[in-house]
Amino acid sequence: MDLQSLRIGNLVYIPKTKQIAKITAISDNIGVQVNNNILAVLKYDEIKPIKLNKKILLKFGFNEIKDHFENENCWIYLLKKSFEFEYIFSKLENSECDGRVNMHKLYNYVHELQNLYYSILRYELFYSA
């Protein structure tokens, strides 16, 4: 897991407890705090990235449409070992054009989707447990 790609709000998997948790604080020296629990500080080797899948996309509020998942801002194409992200730019700018832009890069994990979604759209994805 690329620790530099983590940010507050990312979801990670804790193998020891078999739970998905939300990062609420990050320390370069100590590790990550999860679920706003000061007692739940985990070392970086105690967390794992979560592979993106259909179940998680649905919990993020995406709708399944034939060959992809979508919400009002983007489309996600699940591939065998990764996913592609396509955003709808008419939602981003006050423009007379409508369209979609495919990032043409393959991603694998939930935190990558969360970071990409926020960096392009400036919205957080909310996970319904």
C-alpha atoms as a PDB file:
ATOM      1  CA  MET A   1       0.000   0.000   0.000  1.00  0.00           C
ATOM      2  CA  ASP A   2       1.387   3.377  -0.997  1.00  0.00           C
ATOM      3  CA  LEU A   3       1.203   5.271   2.285  1.00  0.00           C
ATOM      4  CA  GLN A   4       1.715   8.593   0.528  1.00  0.00           C
ATOM      5  CA  SER A   5      -1.606   8.084  -1.238  1.00  0.00           C
ATOM      6  CA  LEU A   6      -3.599   7.958   2.009  1.00  0.00           C
ATOM      7  CA  ARG A   7      -5.620  10.916   3.225  1.00  0.00           C
ATOM      8  CA  ILE A   8      -8.150  11.567   5.971  1.00  0.00           C
ATOM      9  CA  GLY A   9     -11.484  10.057   4.994  1.00  0.00           C
ATOM     10  CA  ASN A  10     -10.038   7.080   3.102  1.00  0.00           C
ATOM     11  CA  LEU A  11     -11.424   3.642   3.848  1.00  0.00           C
ATOM     12  CA  VAL A  12      -8.985   0.865   4.721  1.00  0.00           C
ATOM     13  CA  TYR A  13      -9.275  -2.774   5.761  1.00  0.00           C
ATOM     14  CA  ILE A  14      -8.042  -3.983   9.153  1.00  0.00           C
ATOM     15  CA  PRO A  15      -7.169  -7.692   8.779  1.00  0.00           C
ATOM     16  CA  LYS A  16      -6.877  -8.232  12.554  1.00  0.00           C
ATOM     17  CA  THR A  17     -10.538  -7.286  13.157  1.00  0.00           C
ATOM     18  CA  LYS A  18     -11.799  -7.979   9.624  1.00  0.00           C
ATOM     19  CA  GLN A  19     -13.364  -4.518   9.500  1.00  0.00           C
ATOM     20  CA  ILE A  20     -13.492  -1.599   7.125  1.00  0.00           C
ATOM     21  CA  ALA A  21     -12.523   1.632   8.870  1.00  0.00           C
ATOM     22  CA  LYS A  22     -12.304   5.314   7.970  1.00  0.00           C
ATOM     23  CA  ILE A  23      -8.998   7.128   8.501  1.00  0.00           C
ATOM     24  CA  THR A  24      -9.550  10.125  10.791  1.00  0.00           C
ATOM     25  CA  ALA A  25      -5.916  11.148  11.445  1.00  0.00           C
ATOM     26  CA  ILE A  26      -2.523  10.372   9.920  1.00  0.00           C
ATOM     27  CA  SER A  27       0.922  10.533  11.508  1.00  0.00           C
ATOM     28  CA  ASP A  28       4.070   9.856   9.516  1.00  0.00           C
ATOM     29  CA  ASN A  29       5.787   8.413  12.595  1.00  0.00           C
ATOM     30  CA  ILE A  30       2.982   6.533  14.329  1.00  0.00           C
ATOM     31  CA  GLY A  31       0.365   5.375  11.832  1.00  0.00           C
ATOM     32  CA  VAL A  32      -3.307   6.136  11.307  1.00  0.00           C
ATOM     33  CA  GLN A  33      -6.210   6.770  13.624  1.00  0.00           C
ATOM     34  CA  VAL A  34      -9.498   5.246  12.503  1.00  0.00           C
ATOM     35  CA  ASN A  35     -13.162   5.969  13.192  1.00  0.00           C
ATOM     36  CA  ASN A  36     -12.382   8.973  15.454  1.00  0.00           C
ATOM     37  CA  ASN A  37     -11.225   6.559  18.148  1.00  0.00           C
ATOM     38  CA  ILE A  38      -8.126   7.833  19.922  1.00  0.00           C
ATOM     39  CA  LEU A  39      -7.466   4.276  21.090  1.00  0.00           C
ATOM     40  CA  ALA A  40      -7.613   2.943  17.532  1.00  0.00           C
ATOM     41  CA  VAL A  41      -4.208   4.047  16.274  1.00  0.00           C
ATOM     42  CA  LEU A  42      -2.857   1.489  13.850  1.00  0.00           C
ATOM     43  CA  LYS A  43       0.611   1.056  12.426  1.00  0.00           C
ATOM     44  CA  TYR A  44       0.803   1.193   8.655  1.00  0.00           C
ATOM     45  CA  ASP A  45       1.441  -2.551   8.426  1.00  0.00           C
ATOM     46  CA  GLU A  46      -1.857  -3.186  10.264  1.00  0.00           C
ATOM     47  CA  ILE A  47      -3.992  -1.779   7.449  1.00  0.00           C
ATOM     48  CA  LYS A  48      -4.571  -2.928   3.885  1.00  0.00           C
ATOM     49  CA  PRO A  49      -6.130  -1.303   0.821  1.00  0.00           C
ATOM     50  CA  ILE A  50      -9.632  -2.413  -0.159  1.00  0.00           C
ATOM     51  CA  LYS A  51     -10.099  -3.795  -3.659  1.00  0.00           C
ATOM     52  CA  LEU A  52     -12.891  -1.906  -5.397  1.00  0.00           C
ATOM     53  CA  ASN A  53     -15.920  -4.083  -6.132  1.00  0.00           C
ATOM     54  CA  LYS A  54     -19.629  -3.925  -6.960  1.00  0.00           C
ATOM     55  CA  LYS A  55     -20.771  -4.089  -3.324  1.00  0.00           C
ATOM     56  CA  ILE A  56     -18.649  -1.107  -2.323  1.00  0.00           C
ATOM     57  CA  LEU A  57     -19.721   0.971  -5.327  1.00  0.00           C
ATOM     58  CA  LEU A  58     -23.350   0.398  -4.374  1.00  0.00           C
ATOM     59  CA  LYS A  59     -22.579   1.460  -0.784  1.00  0.00           C
ATOM     60  CA  PHE A  60     -21.080   4.661  -2.200  1.00  0.00           C
ATOM     61  CA  GLY A  61     -24.438   5.309  -3.863  1.00  0.00           C
ATOM     62  CA  PHE A  62     -23.545   4.374  -7.431  1.00  0.00           C
ATOM     63  CA  ASN A  63     -26.215   2.819  -9.634  1.00  0.00           C
ATOM     64  CA  GLU A  64     -25.435  -0.256 -11.696  1.00  0.00           C
ATOM     65  CA  ILE A  65     -26.183   0.384 -15.394  1.00  0.00           C
ATOM     66  CA  LYS A  66     -25.369  -2.481 -17.809  1.00  0.00           C
ATOM     67  CA  ASP A  67     -21.573  -2.331 -18.192  1.00  0.00           C
ATOM     68  CA  HIS A  68     -20.781   0.402 -15.661  1.00  0.00           C
ATOM     69  CA  PHE A  69     -21.719   2.125 -12.413  1.00  0.00           C
ATOM     70  CA  GLU A  70     -22.685   5.786 -12.301  1.00  0.00           C
ATOM     71  CA  ASN A  71     -23.772   8.670 -10.144  1.00  0.00           C
ATOM     72  CA  GLU A  72     -24.523  12.253 -11.128  1.00  0.00           C
ATOM     73  CA  ASN A  73     -20.807  13.073 -11.479  1.00  0.00           C
ATOM     74  CA  CYS A  74     -19.054  10.081 -12.985  1.00  0.00           C
ATOM     75  CA  TRP A  75     -19.062   6.588 -14.437  1.00  0.00           C
ATOM     76  CA  ILE A  76     -16.978   3.695 -13.132  1.00  0.00           C
ATOM     77  CA  TYR A  77     -16.110   0.709 -15.332  1.00  0.00           C
ATOM     78  CA  LEU A  78     -15.171  -2.353 -13.293  1.00  0.00           C
ATOM     79  CA  LEU A  79     -12.657  -4.464 -15.176  1.00  0.00           C
ATOM     80  CA  LYS A  80     -11.249  -7.878 -14.186  1.00  0.00           C
ATOM     81  CA  LYS A  81      -8.438  -6.544 -12.010  1.00  0.00           C
ATOM     82  CA  SER A  82      -8.984  -2.799 -11.959  1.00  0.00           C
ATOM     83  CA  PHE A  83     -11.365   0.023 -12.802  1.00  0.00           C
ATOM     84  CA  GLU A  84     -11.534   3.057 -15.069  1.00  0.00           C
ATOM     85  CA  PHE A  85     -12.923   6.426 -14.019  1.00  0.00           C
ATOM     86  CA  GLU A  86     -14.859   8.739 -16.322  1.00  0.00           C
ATOM     87  CA  TYR A  87     -16.167  12.101 -15.130  1.00  0.00           C
ATOM     88  CA  ILE A  88     -18.944  14.251 -16.500  1.00  0.00           C
ATOM     89  CA  PHE A  89     -17.477  17.697 -17.081  1.00  0.00           C
ATOM     90  CA  SER A  90     -20.721  19.599 -17.600  1.00  0.00           C
ATOM     91  CA  LYS A  91     -21.318  19.104 -13.870  1.00  0.00           C
ATOM     92  CA  LEU A  92     -17.988  20.754 -13.084  1.00  0.00           C
ATOM     93  CA  GLU A  93     -18.048  23.891 -15.165  1.00  0.00           C
ATOM     94  CA  ASN A  94     -20.634  26.387 -16.306  1.00  0.00           C
ATOM     95  CA  SER A  95     -20.264  25.343 -19.879  1.00  0.00           C
ATOM     96  CA  GLU A  96     -22.591  24.903 -22.809  1.00  0.00           C
ATOM     97  CA  CYS A  97     -20.856  21.627 -23.682  1.00  0.00           C
ATOM     98  CA  ASP A  98     -21.746  18.323 -22.182  1.00  0.00           C
ATOM     99  CA  GLY A  99     -19.486  15.340 -22.176  1.00  0.00           C
ATOM    100  CA  ARG A 100     -17.431  12.785 -20.332  1.00  0.00           C
ATOM    101  CA  VAL A 101     -13.698  12.437 -19.962  1.00  0.00           C
ATOM    102  CA  ASN A 102     -12.177   9.014 -19.435  1.00  0.00           C
ATOM    103  CA  MET A 103      -8.985   9.161 -17.381  1.00  0.00           C
ATOM    104  CA  HIS A 104      -7.530   6.171 -19.357  1.00  0.00           C
ATOM    105  CA  LYS A 105      -5.672   4.927 -16.335  1.00  0.00           C
ATOM    106  CA  LEU A 106      -6.390   1.762 -14.407  1.00  0.00           C
ATOM    107  CA  TYR A 107      -7.006   1.910 -10.663  1.00  0.00           C
ATOM    108  CA  ASN A 108      -7.490  -0.898  -8.143  1.00  0.00           C
ATOM    109  CA  TYR A 109      -8.457   0.303  -4.695  1.00  0.00           C
ATOM    110  CA  VAL A 110     -11.197   2.176  -2.877  1.00  0.00           C
ATOM    111  CA  HIS A 111      -8.853   4.855  -1.539  1.00  0.00           C
ATOM    112  CA  GLU A 112      -7.675   5.553  -5.110  1.00  0.00           C
ATOM    113  CA  LEU A 113     -11.280   6.133  -6.186  1.00  0.00           C
ATOM    114  CA  GLN A 114     -11.907   8.344  -3.156  1.00  0.00           C
ATOM    115  CA  ASN A 115      -8.797  10.433  -3.863  1.00  0.00           C
ATOM    116  CA  LEU A 116      -9.481  10.716  -7.587  1.00  0.00           C
ATOM    117  CA  TYR A 117     -13.127  11.614  -7.043  1.00  0.00           C
ATOM    118  CA  TYR A 118     -12.209  14.346  -4.565  1.00  0.00           C
ATOM    119  CA  SER A 119      -9.284  15.756  -6.549  1.00  0.00           C
ATOM    120  CA  ILE A 120     -11.355  16.146  -9.731  1.00  0.00           C
ATOM    121  CA  LEU A 121     -14.859  16.796  -8.454  1.00  0.00           C
ATOM    122  CA  ARG A 122     -14.160  18.335  -5.015  1.00  0.00           C
ATOM    123  CA  TYR A 123     -16.798  16.083  -3.454  1.00  0.00           C
ATOM    124  CA  GLU A 124     -16.332  13.294  -0.946  1.00  0.00           C
ATOM    125  CA  LEU A 125     -17.826   9.877  -1.566  1.00  0.00           C
ATOM    126  CA  PHE A 126     -19.937   8.776   1.402  1.00  0.00           C
ATOM    127  CA  TYR A 127     -19.952   5.118   2.387  1.00  0.00           C
ATOM    128  CA  SER A 128     -23.177   3.627   3.775  1.00  0.00           C
ATOM    129  CA  ALA A 129     -22.091   0.805   6.053  1.00  0.00           C
END
